[in-house]
């Protein structure tokens, strides 16, 4: 998604520009999910229904530039939050065991 956004913004792409695009550390996913996550923490905090660790985590993520660079610890925090969101969203479809991904329509089924 990020490469497509960069390509749409530049009508004369050079090989050097394409190299920069392919190594761009910005994620389009972050622009979609991060505002919603921060808003949810703000609402829960206002209602007194959230712990201080979540508020502190949101504070750190508000300071983040959204770039996934090796030295950026906030990127790790975002990834952990997304992993938790995914787990809590799809946990009822996983069944038993500690699977990272539940069954999807394209996944082979154990039923006959």
PDB file of N, CA and C in Angstrom:
ATOM      1  N   UNK A   1       0.820  -1.183   0.000  1.00  0.00           N
ATOM      2  CA  UNK A   1       0.000   0.000   0.000  1.00  0.00           C
ATOM      3  C   UNK A   1       0.868   1.253   0.000  1.00  0.00           C
ATOM      4  N   UNK A   2       1.956   1.199   0.772  1.00  0.00           N
ATOM      5  CA  UNK A   2       2.828   2.372   0.839  1.00  0.00           C
ATOM      6  C   UNK A   2       3.483   2.644  -0.512  1.00  0.00           C
ATOM      7  N   UNK A   3       3.975   1.601  -1.169  1.00  0.00           N
ATOM      8  CA  UNK A   3       4.610   1.786  -2.474  1.00  0.00           C
ATOM      9  C   UNK A   3       3.598   2.350  -3.466  1.00  0.00           C
ATOM     10  N   UNK A   4       2.371   1.857  -3.444  1.00  0.00           N
ATOM     11  CA  UNK A   4       1.341   2.387  -4.342  1.00  0.00           C
ATOM     12  C   UNK A   4       1.082   3.864  -4.081  1.00  0.00           C
ATOM     13  N   UNK A   5       1.041   4.262  -2.815  1.00  0.00           N
ATOM     14  CA  UNK A   5       0.845   5.670  -2.481  1.00  0.00           C
ATOM     15  C   UNK A   5       1.994   6.520  -3.003  1.00  0.00           C
ATOM     16  N   UNK A   6       3.209   6.035  -2.869  1.00  0.00           N
ATOM     17  CA  UNK A   6       4.372   6.775  -3.362  1.00  0.00           C
ATOM     18  C   UNK A   6       4.357   6.852  -4.883  1.00  0.00           C
ATOM     19  N   UNK A   7       3.981   5.769  -5.534  1.00  0.00           N
ATOM     20  CA  UNK A   7       3.915   5.771  -7.002  1.00  0.00           C
ATOM     21  C   UNK A   7       2.856   6.742  -7.509  1.00  0.00           C
ATOM     22  N   UNK A   8       1.714   6.792  -6.841  1.00  0.00           N
ATOM     23  CA  UNK A   8       0.653   7.722  -7.260  1.00  0.00           C
ATOM     24  C   UNK A   8       1.100   9.174  -7.111  1.00  0.00           C
ATOM     25  N   UNK A   9       1.986   9.445  -6.165  1.00  0.00           N
ATOM     26  CA  UNK A   9       2.440  10.812  -5.914  1.00  0.00           C
ATOM     27  C   UNK A   9       3.551  11.249  -6.860  1.00  0.00           C
ATOM     28  N   UNK A  10       4.128  10.332  -7.628  1.00  0.00           N
ATOM     29  CA  UNK A  10       5.265  10.651  -8.496  1.00  0.00           C
ATOM     30  C   UNK A  10       5.035  10.046  -9.869  1.00  0.00           C
ATOM     31  N   UNK A  11       4.863  10.897 -10.874  1.00  0.00           N
ATOM     32  CA  UNK A  11       4.553  10.391 -12.216  1.00  0.00           C
ATOM     33  C   UNK A  11       5.805   9.966 -12.995  1.00  0.00           C
ATOM     34  N   UNK A  12       6.984  10.340 -12.538  1.00  0.00           N
ATOM     35  CA  UNK A  12       8.221   9.998 -13.252  1.00  0.00           C
ATOM     36  C   UNK A  12       9.148   9.230 -12.307  1.00  0.00           C
ATOM     37  N   UNK A  13       8.879   7.956 -12.138  1.00  0.00           N
ATOM     38  CA  UNK A  13       9.643   7.144 -11.200  1.00  0.00           C
ATOM     39  C   UNK A  13      10.945   6.677 -11.844  1.00  0.00           C
ATOM     40  N   UNK A  14      12.035   6.890 -11.140  1.00  0.00           N
ATOM     41  CA  UNK A  14      13.349   6.449 -11.597  1.00  0.00           C
ATOM     42  C   UNK A  14      13.743   5.193 -10.825  1.00  0.00           C
ATOM     43  N   UNK A  15      14.752   4.470 -11.287  1.00  0.00           N
ATOM     44  CA  UNK A  15      15.222   3.313 -10.511  1.00  0.00           C
ATOM     45  C   UNK A  15      15.654   3.693  -9.093  1.00  0.00           C
ATOM     46  N   UNK A  16      16.293   4.851  -8.930  1.00  0.00           N
ATOM     47  CA  UNK A  16      16.695   5.292  -7.588  1.00  0.00           C
ATOM     48  C   UNK A  16      15.472   5.569  -6.710  1.00  0.00           C
ATOM     49  N   UNK A  17      14.466   6.186  -7.298  1.00  0.00           N
ATOM     50  CA  UNK A  17      13.243   6.452  -6.540  1.00  0.00           C
ATOM     51  C   UNK A  17      12.582   5.136  -6.137  1.00  0.00           C
ATOM     52  N   UNK A  18      12.563   4.171  -7.024  1.00  0.00           N
ATOM     53  CA  UNK A  18      11.955   2.887  -6.714  1.00  0.00           C
ATOM     54  C   UNK A  18      12.706   2.188  -5.588  1.00  0.00           C
ATOM     55  N   UNK A  19      14.035   2.304  -5.558  1.00  0.00           N
ATOM     56  CA  UNK A  19      14.820   1.745  -4.451  1.00  0.00           C
ATOM     57  C   UNK A  19      14.421   2.398  -3.130  1.00  0.00           C
ATOM     58  N   UNK A  20      14.248   3.717  -3.155  1.00  0.00           N
ATOM     59  CA  UNK A  20      13.820   4.426  -1.936  1.00  0.00           C
ATOM     60  C   UNK A  20      12.422   3.978  -1.513  1.00  0.00           C
ATOM     61  N   UNK A  21      11.549   3.805  -2.477  1.00  0.00           N
ATOM     62  CA  UNK A  21      10.181   3.369  -2.165  1.00  0.00           C
ATOM     63  C   UNK A  21      10.184   2.000  -1.501  1.00  0.00           C
ATOM     64  N   UNK A  22      11.003   1.094  -2.007  1.00  0.00           N
ATOM     65  CA  UNK A  22      11.013  -0.271  -1.488  1.00  0.00           C
ATOM     66  C   UNK A  22      11.641  -0.374  -0.100  1.00  0.00           C
ATOM     67  N   UNK A  23      12.394   0.620   0.281  1.00  0.00           N
ATOM     68  CA  UNK A  23      12.996   0.601   1.618  1.00  0.00           C
ATOM     69  C   UNK A  23      12.391   1.671   2.534  1.00  0.00           C
ATOM     70  N   UNK A  24      11.311   2.273   2.106  1.00  0.00           N
ATOM     71  CA  UNK A  24      10.644   3.287   2.917  1.00  0.00           C
ATOM     72  C   UNK A  24      10.105   2.646   4.197  1.00  0.00           C
ATOM     73  N   UNK A  25      10.448   3.176   5.362  1.00  0.00           N
ATOM     74  CA  UNK A  25      10.043   2.542   6.621  1.00  0.00           C
ATOM     75  C   UNK A  25       8.654   2.933   7.125  1.00  0.00           C
ATOM     76  N   UNK A  26       7.880   3.633   6.315  1.00  0.00           N
ATOM     77  CA  UNK A  26       6.550   4.063   6.729  1.00  0.00           C
ATOM     78  C   UNK A  26       5.516   3.009   6.346  1.00  0.00           C
ATOM     79  N   UNK A  27       4.573   2.771   7.227  1.00  0.00           N
ATOM     80  CA  UNK A  27       3.520   1.780   6.980  1.00  0.00           C
ATOM     81  C   UNK A  27       2.178   2.472   6.797  1.00  0.00           C
ATOM     82  N   UNK A  28       1.478   2.141   5.725  1.00  0.00           N
ATOM     83  CA  UNK A  28       0.137   2.660   5.508  1.00  0.00           C
ATOM     84  C   UNK A  28      -0.827   2.098   6.547  1.00  0.00           C
ATOM     85  N   UNK A  29      -0.591   0.885   7.000  1.00  0.00           N
ATOM     86  CA  UNK A  29      -1.428   0.258   8.014  1.00  0.00           C
ATOM     87  C   UNK A  29      -1.453   1.112   9.281  1.00  0.00           C
ATOM     88  N   UNK A  30      -0.316   1.663   9.637  1.00  0.00           N
ATOM     89  CA  UNK A  30      -0.206   2.481  10.843  1.00  0.00           C
ATOM     90  C   UNK A  30      -1.134   3.688  10.765  1.00  0.00           C
ATOM     91  N   UNK A  31      -1.190   4.306   9.611  1.00  0.00           N
ATOM     92  CA  UNK A  31      -2.060   5.467   9.437  1.00  0.00           C
ATOM     93  C   UNK A  31      -3.528   5.133   9.597  1.00  0.00           C
ATOM     94  N   UNK A  32      -3.883   3.896   9.357  1.00  0.00           N
ATOM     95  CA  UNK A  32      -5.263   3.457   9.504  1.00  0.00           C
ATOM     96  C   UNK A  32      -5.581   3.068  10.950  1.00  0.00           C
ATOM     97  N   UNK A  33      -4.727   2.240  11.556  1.00  0.00           N
ATOM     98  CA  UNK A  33      -5.023   1.685  12.873  1.00  0.00           C
ATOM     99  C   UNK A  33      -4.639   2.580  14.044  1.00  0.00           C
ATOM    100  N   UNK A  34      -3.520   3.272  13.955  1.00  0.00           N
ATOM    101  CA  UNK A  34      -3.036   4.026  15.112  1.00  0.00           C
ATOM    102  C   UNK A  34      -4.028   5.080  15.608  1.00  0.00           C
ATOM    103  N   UNK A  35      -4.616   5.905  14.743  1.00  0.00           N
ATOM    104  CA  UNK A  35      -5.584   6.883  15.254  1.00  0.00           C
ATOM    105  C   UNK A  35      -6.758   6.224  15.987  1.00  0.00           C
ATOM    106  N   UNK A  36      -7.250   5.115  15.462  1.00  0.00           N
ATOM    107  CA  UNK A  36      -8.372   4.416  16.113  1.00  0.00           C
ATOM    108  C   UNK A  36      -7.948   3.849  17.467  1.00  0.00           C
ATOM    109  N   UNK A  37      -6.742   3.305  17.540  1.00  0.00           N
ATOM    110  CA  UNK A  37      -6.246   2.763  18.800  1.00  0.00           C
ATOM    111  C   UNK A  37      -6.109   3.874  19.845  1.00  0.00           C
ATOM    112  N   UNK A  38      -5.534   4.987  19.449  1.00  0.00           N
ATOM    113  CA  UNK A  38      -5.335   6.095  20.384  1.00  0.00           C
ATOM    114  C   UNK A  38      -6.668   6.678  20.847  1.00  0.00           C
ATOM    115  N   UNK A  39      -7.627   6.761  19.934  1.00  0.00           N
ATOM    116  CA  UNK A  39      -8.952   7.264  20.304  1.00  0.00           C
ATOM    117  C   UNK A  39      -9.639   6.321  21.298  1.00  0.00           C
ATOM    118  N   UNK A  40      -9.496   5.018  21.084  1.00  0.00           N
ATOM    119  CA  UNK A  40     -10.092   4.040  22.001  1.00  0.00           C
ATOM    120  C   UNK A  40      -9.499   4.171  23.396  1.00  0.00           C
ATOM    121  N   UNK A  41      -8.197   4.375  23.485  1.00  0.00           N
ATOM    122  CA  UNK A  41      -7.562   4.539  24.800  1.00  0.00           C
ATOM    123  C   UNK A  41      -8.041   5.833  25.455  1.00  0.00           C
ATOM    124  N   UNK A  42      -8.164   6.886  24.685  1.00  0.00           N
ATOM    125  CA  UNK A  42      -8.633   8.162  25.224  1.00  0.00           C
ATOM    126  C   UNK A  42     -10.045   8.014  25.780  1.00  0.00           C
ATOM    127  N   UNK A  43     -10.924   7.368  25.036  1.00  0.00           N
ATOM    128  CA  UNK A  43     -12.308   7.181  25.495  1.00  0.00           C
ATOM    129  C   UNK A  43     -12.366   6.305  26.740  1.00  0.00           C
ATOM    130  N   UNK A  44     -11.617   5.217  26.737  1.00  0.00           N
ATOM    131  CA  UNK A  44     -11.616   4.317  27.905  1.00  0.00           C
ATOM    132  C   UNK A  44     -11.022   5.011  29.121  1.00  0.00           C
ATOM    133  N   UNK A  45     -10.006   5.818  28.905  1.00  0.00           N
ATOM    134  CA  UNK A  45      -9.375   6.546  30.000  1.00  0.00           C
ATOM    135  C   UNK A  45     -10.340   7.575  30.590  1.00  0.00           C
ATOM    136  N   UNK A  46     -11.070   8.265  29.729  1.00  0.00           N
ATOM    137  CA  UNK A  46     -12.056   9.252  30.188  1.00  0.00           C
ATOM    138  C   UNK A  46     -13.156   8.601  31.010  1.00  0.00           C
ATOM    139  N   UNK A  47     -13.482   7.362  30.666  1.00  0.00           N
ATOM    140  CA  UNK A  47     -14.522   6.629  31.394  1.00  0.00           C
ATOM    141  C   UNK A  47     -13.962   5.931  32.626  1.00  0.00           C
ATOM    142  N   UNK A  48     -12.644   6.026  32.840  1.00  0.00           N
ATOM    143  CA  UNK A  48     -12.011   5.382  33.987  1.00  0.00           C
ATOM    144  C   UNK A  48     -11.941   3.872  33.856  1.00  0.00           C
ATOM    145  N   UNK A  49     -11.978   3.382  32.611  1.00  0.00           N
ATOM    146  CA  UNK A  49     -12.029   1.931  32.384  1.00  0.00           C
ATOM    147  C   UNK A  49     -10.752   1.386  31.764  1.00  0.00           C
ATOM    148  N   UNK A  50      -9.614   1.969  32.119  1.00  0.00           N
ATOM    149  CA  UNK A  50      -8.361   1.511  31.511  1.00  0.00           C
ATOM    150  C   UNK A  50      -7.223   1.682  32.513  1.00  0.00           C
ATOM    151  N   UNK A  51      -6.217   0.834  32.395  1.00  0.00           N
ATOM    152  CA  UNK A  51      -5.104   0.920  33.345  1.00  0.00           C
ATOM    153  C   UNK A  51      -4.047   1.916  32.878  1.00  0.00           C
ATOM    154  N   UNK A  52      -3.167   2.274  33.782  1.00  0.00           N
ATOM    155  CA  UNK A  52      -2.154   3.295  33.490  1.00  0.00           C
ATOM    156  C   UNK A  52      -1.139   2.826  32.453  1.00  0.00           C
ATOM    157  N   UNK A  53      -0.889   1.509  32.344  1.00  0.00           N
ATOM    158  CA  UNK A  53       0.060   1.014  31.340  1.00  0.00           C
ATOM    159  C   UNK A  53      -0.450   1.306  29.930  1.00  0.00           C
ATOM    160  N   UNK A  54      -1.739   1.139  29.706  1.00  0.00           N
ATOM    161  CA  UNK A  54      -2.317   1.428  28.393  1.00  0.00           C
ATOM    162  C   UNK A  54      -2.235   2.922  28.084  1.00  0.00           C
ATOM    163  N   UNK A  55      -2.476   3.744  29.074  1.00  0.00           N
ATOM    164  CA  UNK A  55      -2.391   5.202  28.888  1.00  0.00           C
ATOM    165  C   UNK A  55      -0.950   5.598  28.568  1.00  0.00           C
ATOM    166  N   UNK A  56       0.001   5.015  29.274  1.00  0.00           N
ATOM    167  CA  UNK A  56       1.422   5.309  29.009  1.00  0.00           C
ATOM    168  C   UNK A  56       1.825   4.831  27.622  1.00  0.00           C
ATOM    169  N   UNK A  57       1.367   3.633  27.241  1.00  0.00           N
ATOM    170  CA  UNK A  57       1.648   3.115  25.905  1.00  0.00           C
ATOM    171  C   UNK A  57       1.086   4.020  24.823  1.00  0.00           C
ATOM    172  N   UNK A  58      -0.142   4.495  25.018  1.00  0.00           N
ATOM    173  CA  UNK A  58      -0.750   5.413  24.053  1.00  0.00           C
ATOM    174  C   UNK A  58       0.033   6.717  23.973  1.00  0.00           C
ATOM    175  N   UNK A  59       0.515   7.177  25.115  1.00  0.00           N
ATOM    176  CA  UNK A  59       1.321   8.394  25.137  1.00  0.00           C
ATOM    177  C   UNK A  59       2.595   8.219  24.309  1.00  0.00           C
ATOM    178  N   UNK A  60       3.237   7.074  24.456  1.00  0.00           N
ATOM    179  CA  UNK A  60       4.444   6.795  23.661  1.00  0.00           C
ATOM    180  C   UNK A  60       4.116   6.713  22.169  1.00  0.00           C
ATOM    181  N   UNK A  61       3.000   6.088  21.849  1.00  0.00           N
ATOM    182  CA  UNK A  61       2.633   5.957  20.436  1.00  0.00           C
ATOM    183  C   UNK A  61       2.218   7.289  19.816  1.00  0.00           C
ATOM    184  N   UNK A  62       1.686   8.208  20.635  1.00  0.00           N
ATOM    185  CA  UNK A  62       1.348   9.541  20.117  1.00  0.00           C
ATOM    186  C   UNK A  62       2.606  10.292  19.693  1.00  0.00           C
ATOM    187  N   UNK A  63       3.728  10.002  20.337  1.00  0.00           N
ATOM    188  CA  UNK A  63       5.007  10.655  20.010  1.00  0.00           C
ATOM    189  C   UNK A  63       5.693  10.019  18.810  1.00  0.00           C
ATOM    190  N   UNK A  64       5.218   8.864  18.364  1.00  0.00           N
ATOM    191  CA  UNK A  64       5.864   8.090  17.315  1.00  0.00           C
ATOM    192  C   UNK A  64       5.625   8.713  15.941  1.00  0.00           C
ATOM    193  N   UNK A  65       6.632   8.661  15.100  1.00  0.00           N
ATOM    194  CA  UNK A  65       6.515   9.203  13.744  1.00  0.00           C
ATOM    195  C   UNK A  65       5.943   8.186  12.752  1.00  0.00           C
ATOM    196  N   UNK A  66       5.620   6.981  13.220  1.00  0.00           N
ATOM    197  CA  UNK A  66       5.015   5.976  12.348  1.00  0.00           C
ATOM    198  C   UNK A  66       5.988   5.237  11.448  1.00  0.00           C
ATOM    199  N   UNK A  67       7.271   5.412  11.682  1.00  0.00           N
ATOM    200  CA  UNK A  67       8.279   4.778  10.834  1.00  0.00           C
ATOM    201  C   UNK A  67       8.871   3.558  11.537  1.00  0.00           C
ATOM    202  N   UNK A  68       9.076   2.510  10.765  1.00  0.00           N
ATOM    203  CA  UNK A  68       9.652   1.263  11.276  1.00  0.00           C
ATOM    204  C   UNK A  68      11.147   1.248  10.977  1.00  0.00           C
ATOM    205  N   UNK A  69      11.911   1.829  11.892  1.00  0.00           N
ATOM    206  CA  UNK A  69      13.363   1.866  11.756  1.00  0.00           C
ATOM    207  C   UNK A  69      13.972   1.019  12.868  1.00  0.00           C
ATOM    208  N   UNK A  70      15.197   0.513  12.680  1.00  0.00           N
ATOM    209  CA  UNK A  70      15.796  -0.385  13.673  1.00  0.00           C
ATOM    210  C   UNK A  70      15.874   0.184  15.092  1.00  0.00           C
ATOM    211  N   UNK A  71      16.103   1.464  15.234  1.00  0.00           N
ATOM    212  CA  UNK A  71      16.270   2.056  16.568  1.00  0.00           C
ATOM    213  C   UNK A  71      14.953   2.553  17.168  1.00  0.00           C
ATOM    214  N   UNK A  72      13.856   2.392  16.469  1.00  0.00           N
ATOM    215  CA  UNK A  72      12.589   2.950  16.910  1.00  0.00           C
ATOM    216  C   UNK A  72      11.826   1.966  17.796  1.00  0.00           C
ATOM    217  N   UNK A  73      11.907   2.163  19.100  1.00  0.00           N
ATOM    218  CA  UNK A  73      11.253   1.261  20.050  1.00  0.00           C
ATOM    219  C   UNK A  73       9.737   1.376  20.002  1.00  0.00           C
ATOM    220  N   UNK A  74       9.237   2.509  19.576  1.00  0.00           N
ATOM    221  CA  UNK A  74       7.784   2.674  19.503  1.00  0.00           C
ATOM    222  C   UNK A  74       7.181   1.797  18.403  1.00  0.00           C
ATOM    223  N   UNK A  75       7.954   1.501  17.383  1.00  0.00           N
ATOM    224  CA  UNK A  75       7.486   0.584  16.348  1.00  0.00           C
ATOM    225  C   UNK A  75       7.241  -0.801  16.936  1.00  0.00           C
ATOM    226  N   UNK A  76       8.086  -1.212  17.861  1.00  0.00           N
ATOM    227  CA  UNK A  76       7.910  -2.504  18.530  1.00  0.00           C
ATOM    228  C   UNK A  76       6.636  -2.476  19.367  1.00  0.00           C
ATOM    229  N   UNK A  77       6.399  -1.388  20.064  1.00  0.00           N
ATOM    230  CA  UNK A  77       5.189  -1.241  20.863  1.00  0.00           C
ATOM    231  C   UNK A  77       3.954  -1.329  19.974  1.00  0.00           C
ATOM    232  N   UNK A  78       3.980  -0.663  18.833  1.00  0.00           N
ATOM    233  CA  UNK A  78       2.856  -0.720  17.894  1.00  0.00           C
ATOM    234  C   UNK A  78       2.639  -2.156  17.417  1.00  0.00           C
ATOM    235  N   UNK A  79       3.711  -2.837  17.043  1.00  0.00           N
ATOM    236  CA  UNK A  79       3.579  -4.224  16.590  1.00  0.00           C
ATOM    237  C   UNK A  79       2.980  -5.115  17.672  1.00  0.00           C
ATOM    238  N   UNK A  80       3.408  -4.936  18.911  1.00  0.00           N
ATOM    239  CA  UNK A  80       2.848  -5.726  20.011  1.00  0.00           C
ATOM    240  C   UNK A  80       1.363  -5.421  20.217  1.00  0.00           C
ATOM    241  N   UNK A  81       0.996  -4.153  20.098  1.00  0.00           N
ATOM    242  CA  UNK A  81      -0.414  -3.783  20.227  1.00  0.00           C
ATOM    243  C   UNK A  81      -1.241  -4.392  19.096  1.00  0.00           C
ATOM    244  N   UNK A  82      -0.696  -4.408  17.875  1.00  0.00           N
ATOM    245  CA  UNK A  82      -1.411  -5.012  16.749  1.00  0.00           C
ATOM    246  C   UNK A  82      -1.534  -6.523  16.928  1.00  0.00           C
ATOM    247  N   UNK A  83      -0.502  -7.140  17.460  1.00  0.00           N
ATOM    248  CA  UNK A  83      -0.560  -8.586  17.715  1.00  0.00           C
ATOM    249  C   UNK A  83      -1.643  -8.902  18.745  1.00  0.00           C
ATOM    250  N   UNK A  84      -1.717  -8.093  19.782  1.00  0.00           N
ATOM    251  CA  UNK A  84      -2.746  -8.276  20.813  1.00  0.00           C
ATOM    252  C   UNK A  84      -4.137  -8.029  20.232  1.00  0.00           C
ATOM    253  N   UNK A  85      -4.274  -7.011  19.421  1.00  0.00           N
ATOM    254  CA  UNK A  85      -5.559  -6.721  18.773  1.00  0.00           C
ATOM    255  C   UNK A  85      -6.000  -7.892  17.904  1.00  0.00           C
ATOM    256  N   UNK A  86      -5.077  -8.424  17.133  1.00  0.00           N
ATOM    257  CA  UNK A  86      -5.388  -9.572  16.280  1.00  0.00           C
ATOM    258  C   UNK A  86      -5.804 -10.777  17.109  1.00  0.00           C
ATOM    259  N   UNK A  87      -5.057 -11.036  18.159  1.00  0.00           N
ATOM    260  CA  UNK A  87      -5.372 -12.179  19.017  1.00  0.00           C
ATOM    261  C   UNK A  87      -6.753 -12.028  19.648  1.00  0.00           C
ATOM    262  N   UNK A  88      -7.052 -10.854  20.157  1.00  0.00           N
ATOM    263  CA  UNK A  88      -8.344 -10.648  20.819  1.00  0.00           C
ATOM    264  C   UNK A  88      -9.499 -10.601  19.824  1.00  0.00           C
ATOM    265  N   UNK A  89      -9.228 -10.236  18.594  1.00  0.00           N
ATOM    266  CA  UNK A  89     -10.273 -10.198  17.578  1.00  0.00           C
ATOM    267  C   UNK A  89     -10.651 -11.590  17.109  1.00  0.00           C
ATOM    268  N   UNK A  90      -9.678 -12.436  16.897  1.00  0.00           N
ATOM    269  CA  UNK A  90      -9.921 -13.736  16.274  1.00  0.00           C
ATOM    270  C   UNK A  90      -9.819 -14.915  17.230  1.00  0.00           C
ATOM    271  N   UNK A  91      -9.667 -14.682  18.527  1.00  0.00           N
ATOM    272  CA  UNK A  91      -9.439 -15.781  19.462  1.00  0.00           C
ATOM    273  C   UNK A  91     -10.561 -16.815  19.480  1.00  0.00           C
ATOM    274  N   UNK A  92     -11.786 -16.407  19.281  1.00  0.00           N
ATOM    275  CA  UNK A  92     -12.875 -17.375  19.335  1.00  0.00           C
ATOM    276  C   UNK A  92     -12.889 -18.313  18.130  1.00  0.00           C
ATOM    277  N   UNK A  93     -12.178 -17.989  17.085  1.00  0.00           N
ATOM    278  CA  UNK A  93     -12.128 -18.848  15.899  1.00  0.00           C
ATOM    279  C   UNK A  93     -10.956 -19.820  15.921  1.00  0.00           C
ATOM    280  N   UNK A  94     -10.068 -19.669  16.867  1.00  0.00           N
ATOM    281  CA  UNK A  94      -8.867 -20.496  16.909  1.00  0.00           C
ATOM    282  C   UNK A  94      -9.113 -21.887  17.463  1.00  0.00           C
ATOM    283  N   UNK A  95     -10.152 -22.061  18.233  1.00  0.00           N
ATOM    284  CA  UNK A  95     -10.394 -23.361  18.843  1.00  0.00           C
ATOM    285  C   UNK A  95      -9.394 -23.618  19.949  1.00  0.00           C
ATOM    286  N   UNK A  96      -8.991 -24.859  20.085  1.00  0.00           N
ATOM    287  CA  UNK A  96      -8.048 -25.204  21.136  1.00  0.00           C
ATOM    288  C   UNK A  96      -6.621 -25.101  20.622  1.00  0.00           C
ATOM    289  N   UNK A  97      -5.700 -25.024  21.526  1.00  0.00           N
ATOM    290  CA  UNK A  97      -4.287 -24.924  21.143  1.00  0.00           C
ATOM    291  C   UNK A  97      -3.857 -23.478  21.060  1.00  0.00           C
ATOM    292  N   UNK A  98      -2.608 -23.292  20.814  1.00  0.00           N
ATOM    293  CA  UNK A  98      -2.035 -21.954  20.758  1.00  0.00           C
ATOM    294  C   UNK A  98      -1.659 -21.612  19.320  1.00  0.00           C
ATOM    295  N   UNK A  99      -2.633 -21.613  18.433  1.00  0.00           N
ATOM    296  CA  UNK A  99      -2.375 -21.300  17.026  1.00  0.00           C
ATOM    297  C   UNK A  99      -2.317 -19.797  16.840  1.00  0.00           C
ATOM    298  N   UNK A 100      -1.435 -19.353  15.978  1.00  0.00           N
ATOM    299  CA  UNK A 100      -1.347 -17.918  15.690  1.00  0.00           C
ATOM    300  C   UNK A 100      -2.459 -17.474  14.754  1.00  0.00           C
ATOM    301  N   UNK A 101      -2.990 -18.391  13.963  1.00  0.00           N
ATOM    302  CA  UNK A 101      -4.002 -18.008  12.993  1.00  0.00           C
ATOM    303  C   UNK A 101      -5.125 -19.026  12.998  1.00  0.00           C
ATOM    304  N   UNK A 102      -6.331 -18.556  12.975  1.00  0.00           N
ATOM    305  CA  UNK A 102      -7.483 -19.439  12.938  1.00  0.00           C
ATOM    306  C   UNK A 102      -7.774 -19.906  11.525  1.00  0.00           C
ATOM    307  N   UNK A 103      -8.734 -20.781  11.408  1.00  0.00           N
ATOM    308  CA  UNK A 103      -9.136 -21.293  10.101  1.00  0.00           C
ATOM    309  C   UNK A 103      -9.791 -20.179   9.291  1.00  0.00           C
ATOM    310  N   UNK A 104      -9.512 -20.154   8.015  1.00  0.00           N
ATOM    311  CA  UNK A 104     -10.134 -19.209   7.094  1.00  0.00           C
ATOM    312  C   UNK A 104     -10.798 -20.007   5.984  1.00  0.00           C
ATOM    313  N   UNK A 105     -11.658 -19.375   5.184  1.00  0.00           N
ATOM    314  CA  UNK A 105     -12.336 -20.146   4.130  1.00  0.00           C
ATOM    315  C   UNK A 105     -11.375 -20.865   3.189  1.00  0.00           C
ATOM    316  N   UNK A 106     -10.172 -20.337   2.981  1.00  0.00           N
ATOM    317  CA  UNK A 106      -9.232 -20.972   2.068  1.00  0.00           C
ATOM    318  C   UNK A 106      -8.374 -22.038   2.753  1.00  0.00           C
ATOM    319  N   UNK A 107      -8.461 -22.127   4.093  1.00  0.00           N
ATOM    320  CA  UNK A 107      -7.654 -23.089   4.830  1.00  0.00           C
ATOM    321  C   UNK A 107      -8.310 -24.477   4.739  1.00  0.00           C
ATOM    322  N   UNK A 108      -7.489 -25.519   4.676  1.00  0.00           N
ATOM    323  CA  UNK A 108      -8.062 -26.871   4.656  1.00  0.00           C
ATOM    324  C   UNK A 108      -8.833 -27.138   5.935  1.00  0.00           C
ATOM    325  N   UNK A 109      -9.906 -27.836   5.803  1.00  0.00           N
ATOM    326  CA  UNK A 109     -10.749 -28.129   6.947  1.00  0.00           C
ATOM    327  C   UNK A 109     -10.533 -29.568   7.394  1.00  0.00           C
ATOM    328  N   UNK A 110     -10.650 -29.789   8.701  1.00  0.00           N
ATOM    329  CA  UNK A 110     -10.503 -31.151   9.215  1.00  0.00           C
ATOM    330  C   UNK A 110     -11.844 -31.880   9.156  1.00  0.00           C
ATOM    331  N   UNK A 111     -12.907 -31.127   8.830  1.00  0.00           N
ATOM    332  CA  UNK A 111     -14.237 -31.752   8.721  1.00  0.00           C
ATOM    333  C   UNK A 111     -14.403 -32.384   7.354  1.00  0.00           C
ATOM    334  N   UNK A 112     -15.203 -33.435   7.267  1.00  0.00           N
ATOM    335  CA  UNK A 112     -15.468 -34.098   5.982  1.00  0.00           C
ATOM    336  C   UNK A 112     -16.779 -33.645   5.435  1.00  0.00           C
TER     337      UNK A 112
END
